[in-house]
Amino acid sequence: MANLIQYVIVRGDLMKTLNWPLGALIAQCCHAATAVNHLYANDDETVEYFKDLDNMHKVVLDGQDQTTLEKLSETLKENEIKHKLWIEQPENIPTCIAIRPYPKDVVHKHVKKLKLLK
């Protein structure tokens, strides 16, 4: 099976503009990644990904803002890319997308315009 990668896309504006603490931003990534891995735990690629826990490959990207995140989620749905758009409660705002593990060439074209989170 091809090398699998999991993309996590978090809203950079949460920290830069809305002054969320770094820990809260990391928590959003953890929530989304945990949720998507649970939802698709039985998919062949997810099972394969977890066979080598010490060598999981994740890329965390800056999703810029709510609009960017929502548009990406729609694009992923249209292309049948399994993902979880995390909606933080009680604020009820989209904060992060985690895509289940896929071969890079399946997903990269949908996220290539986003930059690494800094």
N, C-alpha and C. Protein backbone atom coordinates (compact mmCIF):
# COMPACT_ATOMS: atom_id res chain seq x y z
N MET A 1 0.86 -1.19 0.00
CA MET A 1 0.00 0.00 0.00
C MET A 1 0.90 1.24 0.00
N ALA A 2 0.47 2.29 -0.69
CA ALA A 2 1.24 3.53 -0.77
C ALA A 2 1.45 4.13 0.62
N ASN A 3 2.47 4.96 0.74
CA ASN A 3 2.68 5.66 2.00
C ASN A 3 1.45 6.49 2.32
N LEU A 4 0.96 6.33 3.52
CA LEU A 4 -0.26 7.02 3.93
C LEU A 4 0.08 8.28 4.71
N ILE A 5 -0.75 9.29 4.52
CA ILE A 5 -0.56 10.56 5.20
C ILE A 5 -1.91 11.05 5.70
N GLN A 6 -1.88 11.70 6.85
CA GLN A 6 -3.10 12.29 7.38
C GLN A 6 -2.91 13.79 7.45
N TYR A 7 -3.81 14.51 6.80
CA TYR A 7 -3.78 15.97 6.83
C TYR A 7 -4.73 16.48 7.90
N VAL A 8 -4.26 17.48 8.65
CA VAL A 8 -5.07 18.18 9.64
C VAL A 8 -4.99 19.65 9.27
N ILE A 9 -6.14 20.28 9.10
CA ILE A 9 -6.19 21.68 8.69
C ILE A 9 -6.92 22.46 9.77
N VAL A 10 -6.22 23.39 10.38
CA VAL A 10 -6.78 24.15 11.50
C VAL A 10 -6.81 25.63 11.14
N ARG A 11 -7.78 26.33 11.65
CA ARG A 11 -7.91 27.76 11.38
C ARG A 11 -6.81 28.54 12.08
N GLY A 12 -5.92 29.12 11.31
CA GLY A 12 -4.85 29.94 11.88
C GLY A 12 -5.35 31.20 12.52
N ASP A 13 -6.51 31.71 12.05
CA ASP A 13 -7.02 32.96 12.62
C ASP A 13 -7.48 32.80 14.06
N LEU A 14 -7.71 31.58 14.48
CA LEU A 14 -8.12 31.38 15.88
C LEU A 14 -7.05 31.91 16.83
N MET A 15 -5.80 31.67 16.48
CA MET A 15 -4.70 32.12 17.33
C MET A 15 -4.26 33.54 16.95
N LYS A 16 -4.13 33.79 15.65
CA LYS A 16 -3.58 35.07 15.18
C LYS A 16 -4.53 36.24 15.39
N THR A 17 -5.81 36.04 15.15
CA THR A 17 -6.79 37.14 15.20
C THR A 17 -7.68 37.07 16.44
N LEU A 18 -8.12 35.85 16.77
CA LEU A 18 -9.08 35.69 17.87
C LEU A 18 -8.40 35.39 19.20
N ASN A 19 -7.06 35.32 19.17
CA ASN A 19 -6.25 35.17 20.39
C ASN A 19 -6.52 33.91 21.20
N TRP A 20 -6.83 32.81 20.52
CA TRP A 20 -6.94 31.54 21.23
C TRP A 20 -5.54 31.12 21.65
N PRO A 21 -5.39 30.52 22.82
CA PRO A 21 -4.07 30.02 23.22
C PRO A 21 -3.64 28.83 22.36
N LEU A 22 -2.33 28.64 22.25
CA LEU A 22 -1.78 27.55 21.46
C LEU A 22 -2.37 26.20 21.87
N GLY A 23 -2.50 25.98 23.16
CA GLY A 23 -3.06 24.72 23.65
C GLY A 23 -4.46 24.45 23.14
N ALA A 24 -5.27 25.50 23.04
CA ALA A 24 -6.64 25.36 22.54
C ALA A 24 -6.63 24.99 21.05
N LEU A 25 -5.70 25.56 20.31
CA LEU A 25 -5.56 25.25 18.89
C LEU A 25 -5.16 23.78 18.71
N ILE A 26 -4.20 23.35 19.50
CA ILE A 26 -3.75 21.95 19.44
C ILE A 26 -4.89 21.01 19.82
N ALA A 27 -5.69 21.40 20.80
CA ALA A 27 -6.83 20.58 21.21
C ALA A 27 -7.81 20.39 20.05
N GLN A 28 -8.03 21.44 19.24
CA GLN A 28 -8.93 21.32 18.10
C GLN A 28 -8.42 20.27 17.12
N CYS A 29 -7.11 20.29 16.88
CA CYS A 29 -6.50 19.30 15.98
C CYS A 29 -6.67 17.89 16.54
N CYS A 30 -6.47 17.76 17.83
CA CYS A 30 -6.61 16.45 18.49
C CYS A 30 -8.06 15.95 18.41
N HIS A 31 -9.02 16.85 18.66
CA HIS A 31 -10.43 16.46 18.58
C HIS A 31 -10.77 15.95 17.17
N ALA A 32 -10.38 16.72 16.16
CA ALA A 32 -10.73 16.36 14.78
C ALA A 32 -10.04 15.06 14.35
N ALA A 33 -8.75 14.92 14.68
CA ALA A 33 -8.02 13.71 14.29
C ALA A 33 -8.58 12.47 15.00
N THR A 34 -8.87 12.60 16.28
CA THR A 34 -9.43 11.48 17.02
C THR A 34 -10.78 11.09 16.44
N ALA A 35 -11.62 12.09 16.15
CA ALA A 35 -12.96 11.82 15.62
C ALA A 35 -12.90 11.13 14.26
N VAL A 36 -12.07 11.65 13.34
CA VAL A 36 -12.04 11.06 12.00
C VAL A 36 -11.46 9.64 12.04
N ASN A 37 -10.47 9.43 12.90
CA ASN A 37 -9.89 8.09 12.99
C ASN A 37 -10.87 7.10 13.62
N HIS A 38 -11.72 7.57 14.51
CA HIS A 38 -12.75 6.71 15.09
C HIS A 38 -13.84 6.41 14.05
N LEU A 39 -14.29 7.46 13.34
CA LEU A 39 -15.35 7.29 12.34
C LEU A 39 -14.98 6.30 11.25
N TYR A 40 -13.71 6.32 10.85
CA TYR A 40 -13.27 5.49 9.73
C TYR A 40 -12.26 4.43 10.16
N ALA A 41 -12.39 3.98 11.40
CA ALA A 41 -11.45 3.02 11.98
C ALA A 41 -11.37 1.71 11.21
N ASN A 42 -12.45 1.34 10.54
CA ASN A 42 -12.47 0.06 9.84
C ASN A 42 -12.10 0.16 8.36
N ASP A 43 -11.85 1.37 7.86
CA ASP A 43 -11.42 1.52 6.47
C ASP A 43 -10.02 0.91 6.33
N ASP A 44 -9.79 0.25 5.22
CA ASP A 44 -8.51 -0.45 5.02
C ASP A 44 -7.30 0.46 5.23
N GLU A 45 -7.36 1.67 4.70
CA GLU A 45 -6.20 2.57 4.82
C GLU A 45 -6.00 3.05 6.26
N THR A 46 -7.07 3.24 6.99
CA THR A 46 -6.93 3.63 8.40
C THR A 46 -6.32 2.48 9.20
N VAL A 47 -6.78 1.28 8.94
CA VAL A 47 -6.23 0.09 9.62
C VAL A 47 -4.73 -0.02 9.32
N GLU A 48 -4.37 0.14 8.06
CA GLU A 48 -2.96 0.06 7.64
C GLU A 48 -2.12 1.14 8.33
N TYR A 49 -2.66 2.35 8.38
CA TYR A 49 -1.97 3.50 8.99
C TYR A 49 -1.58 3.21 10.44
N PHE A 50 -2.47 2.56 11.16
CA PHE A 50 -2.24 2.31 12.58
C PHE A 50 -1.42 1.04 12.86
N LYS A 51 -1.03 0.33 11.83
CA LYS A 51 -0.18 -0.84 12.04
C LYS A 51 1.24 -0.45 12.43
N ASP A 52 1.65 0.77 12.14
CA ASP A 52 3.00 1.23 12.44
C ASP A 52 2.93 2.58 13.16
N LEU A 53 2.51 2.53 14.41
CA LEU A 53 2.26 3.76 15.18
C LEU A 53 3.48 4.67 15.29
N ASP A 54 4.66 4.10 15.31
CA ASP A 54 5.86 4.92 15.47
C ASP A 54 6.24 5.67 14.20
N ASN A 55 5.55 5.40 13.11
CA ASN A 55 5.89 6.05 11.84
C ASN A 55 4.68 6.69 11.16
N MET A 56 3.71 7.12 11.96
CA MET A 56 2.56 7.81 11.37
C MET A 56 3.04 9.12 10.75
N HIS A 57 2.44 9.51 9.63
CA HIS A 57 2.80 10.74 8.96
C HIS A 57 1.59 11.67 8.95
N LYS A 58 1.74 12.82 9.61
CA LYS A 58 0.69 13.83 9.62
C LYS A 58 1.27 15.15 9.14
N VAL A 59 0.45 15.94 8.48
CA VAL A 59 0.82 17.28 8.07
C VAL A 59 -0.27 18.22 8.60
N VAL A 60 0.15 19.26 9.32
CA VAL A 60 -0.79 20.23 9.88
C VAL A 60 -0.69 21.52 9.06
N LEU A 61 -1.82 21.88 8.46
CA LEU A 61 -1.87 23.04 7.58
C LEU A 61 -2.70 24.16 8.18
N ASP A 62 -2.42 25.38 7.74
CA ASP A 62 -3.15 26.57 8.18
C ASP A 62 -4.38 26.76 7.29
N GLY A 63 -5.54 26.55 7.87
CA GLY A 63 -6.79 26.71 7.14
C GLY A 63 -7.28 28.13 7.10
N GLN A 64 -6.50 29.07 7.54
CA GLN A 64 -6.74 30.51 7.47
C GLN A 64 -7.94 30.98 8.28
N ASP A 65 -9.15 30.65 7.83
CA ASP A 65 -10.35 31.19 8.49
C ASP A 65 -11.54 30.25 8.28
N GLN A 66 -12.68 30.63 8.84
CA GLN A 66 -13.86 29.77 8.78
C GLN A 66 -14.31 29.51 7.34
N THR A 67 -14.30 30.53 6.50
CA THR A 67 -14.73 30.38 5.11
C THR A 67 -13.85 29.37 4.38
N THR A 68 -12.54 29.48 4.55
CA THR A 68 -11.61 28.55 3.90
C THR A 68 -11.90 27.12 4.34
N LEU A 69 -12.11 26.94 5.64
CA LEU A 69 -12.37 25.61 6.18
C LEU A 69 -13.68 25.02 5.62
N GLU A 70 -14.72 25.84 5.58
CA GLU A 70 -16.02 25.36 5.09
C GLU A 70 -15.95 25.03 3.59
N LYS A 71 -15.26 25.85 2.81
CA LYS A 71 -15.12 25.57 1.38
C LYS A 71 -14.32 24.28 1.16
N LEU A 72 -13.27 24.09 1.93
CA LEU A 72 -12.47 22.87 1.81
C LEU A 72 -13.32 21.65 2.15
N SER A 73 -14.11 21.75 3.20
CA SER A 73 -14.97 20.63 3.59
C SER A 73 -15.93 20.27 2.45
N GLU A 74 -16.49 21.27 1.79
CA GLU A 74 -17.40 21.03 0.66
C GLU A 74 -16.66 20.35 -0.49
N THR A 75 -15.46 20.83 -0.80
CA THR A 75 -14.65 20.23 -1.86
C THR A 75 -14.34 18.77 -1.55
N LEU A 76 -13.99 18.51 -0.29
CA LEU A 76 -13.69 17.13 0.11
C LEU A 76 -14.93 16.24 -0.02
N LYS A 77 -16.08 16.76 0.37
CA LYS A 77 -17.33 16.00 0.22
C LYS A 77 -17.59 15.69 -1.25
N GLU A 78 -17.45 16.71 -2.11
CA GLU A 78 -17.71 16.54 -3.55
C GLU A 78 -16.79 15.48 -4.16
N ASN A 79 -15.59 15.35 -3.60
CA ASN A 79 -14.61 14.40 -4.12
C ASN A 79 -14.55 13.11 -3.32
N GLU A 80 -15.53 12.93 -2.43
CA GLU A 80 -15.66 11.72 -1.62
C GLU A 80 -14.41 11.40 -0.81
N ILE A 81 -13.81 12.46 -0.26
CA ILE A 81 -12.66 12.32 0.63
C ILE A 81 -13.21 12.32 2.05
N LYS A 82 -13.00 11.23 2.76
CA LYS A 82 -13.54 11.09 4.11
C LYS A 82 -12.78 11.99 5.08
N HIS A 83 -13.54 12.80 5.81
CA HIS A 83 -12.95 13.77 6.72
C HIS A 83 -13.95 14.11 7.82
N LYS A 84 -13.47 14.87 8.80
CA LYS A 84 -14.33 15.36 9.88
C LYS A 84 -14.09 16.85 10.02
N LEU A 85 -15.14 17.61 9.84
CA LEU A 85 -15.10 19.05 10.13
C LEU A 85 -15.48 19.20 11.60
N TRP A 86 -14.51 19.60 12.42
CA TRP A 86 -14.77 19.71 13.85
C TRP A 86 -15.47 21.03 14.13
N ILE A 87 -16.61 20.95 14.83
CA ILE A 87 -17.37 22.13 15.24
C ILE A 87 -17.24 22.24 16.76
N GLU A 88 -16.52 23.24 17.21
CA GLU A 88 -16.28 23.40 18.65
C GLU A 88 -17.54 23.89 19.34
N GLN A 89 -17.83 23.25 20.47
CA GLN A 89 -18.98 23.61 21.30
C GLN A 89 -18.48 24.15 22.64
N PRO A 90 -19.15 25.06 23.28
CA PRO A 90 -20.47 25.59 22.92
C PRO A 90 -20.43 26.74 21.91
N GLU A 91 -19.24 27.10 21.43
CA GLU A 91 -19.13 28.23 20.50
C GLU A 91 -19.84 27.96 19.17
N ASN A 92 -19.96 26.67 18.80
CA ASN A 92 -20.61 26.24 17.57
C ASN A 92 -19.92 26.82 16.33
N ILE A 93 -18.59 26.80 16.34
CA ILE A 93 -17.84 27.30 15.19
C ILE A 93 -16.90 26.22 14.65
N PRO A 94 -16.80 26.13 13.33
CA PRO A 94 -15.85 25.20 12.72
C PRO A 94 -14.43 25.63 13.04
N THR A 95 -13.61 24.70 13.51
CA THR A 95 -12.25 25.05 13.90
C THR A 95 -11.19 24.26 13.17
N CYS A 96 -11.53 23.06 12.71
CA CYS A 96 -10.49 22.17 12.19
C CYS A 96 -11.11 21.09 11.30
N ILE A 97 -10.31 20.64 10.34
CA ILE A 97 -10.68 19.48 9.52
C ILE A 97 -9.56 18.46 9.68
N ALA A 98 -9.93 17.23 9.90
CA ALA A 98 -8.97 16.13 9.84
C ALA A 98 -9.45 15.19 8.74
N ILE A 99 -8.53 14.81 7.88
CA ILE A 99 -8.82 13.89 6.79
C ILE A 99 -8.29 12.52 7.20
N ARG A 100 -9.05 11.50 6.98
CA ARG A 100 -8.57 10.17 7.37
C ARG A 100 -7.32 9.85 6.54
N PRO A 101 -6.49 8.93 6.97
CA PRO A 101 -5.27 8.61 6.23
C PRO A 101 -5.57 8.17 4.79
N TYR A 102 -4.84 8.75 3.86
CA TYR A 102 -4.94 8.43 2.43
C TYR A 102 -3.53 8.45 1.83
N PRO A 103 -3.36 7.84 0.67
CA PRO A 103 -2.13 8.07 -0.08
C PRO A 103 -2.07 9.57 -0.45
N LYS A 104 -0.89 10.13 -0.41
CA LYS A 104 -0.72 11.57 -0.63
C LYS A 104 -1.36 12.03 -1.94
N ASP A 105 -1.20 11.26 -3.01
CA ASP A 105 -1.69 11.71 -4.31
C ASP A 105 -3.22 11.80 -4.40
N VAL A 106 -3.91 11.20 -3.47
CA VAL A 106 -5.38 11.27 -3.46
C VAL A 106 -5.85 12.61 -2.89
N VAL A 107 -5.13 13.13 -1.90
CA VAL A 107 -5.61 14.30 -1.15
C VAL A 107 -4.83 15.57 -1.45
N HIS A 108 -3.56 15.45 -1.74
CA HIS A 108 -2.69 16.63 -1.84
C HIS A 108 -3.25 17.71 -2.77
N LYS A 109 -3.85 17.32 -3.88
CA LYS A 109 -4.36 18.30 -4.84
C LYS A 109 -5.44 19.20 -4.23
N HIS A 110 -6.10 18.75 -3.18
CA HIS A 110 -7.15 19.54 -2.54
C HIS A 110 -6.61 20.48 -1.47
N VAL A 111 -5.39 20.24 -1.00
CA VAL A 111 -4.84 21.05 0.10
C VAL A 111 -3.54 21.76 -0.27
N LYS A 112 -3.09 21.61 -1.52
CA LYS A 112 -1.77 22.11 -1.89
C LYS A 112 -1.63 23.63 -1.81
N LYS A 113 -2.72 24.36 -1.84
CA LYS A 113 -2.64 25.82 -1.74
C LYS A 113 -2.50 26.30 -0.29
N LEU A 114 -2.70 25.41 0.65
CA LEU A 114 -2.59 25.79 2.06
C LEU A 114 -1.13 25.66 2.52
N LYS A 115 -0.74 26.52 3.45
CA LYS A 115 0.63 26.50 3.97
C LYS A 115 0.69 25.72 5.27
N LEU A 116 1.89 25.27 5.60
CA LEU A 116 2.08 24.61 6.89
C LEU A 116 1.73 25.59 8.00
N LEU A 117 1.12 25.09 9.06
CA LEU A 117 0.80 25.93 10.21
C LEU A 117 2.07 26.36 10.89
N LYS A 118 2.19 27.64 11.18
CA LYS A 118 3.38 28.17 11.88
C LYS A 118 2.97 28.89 13.14
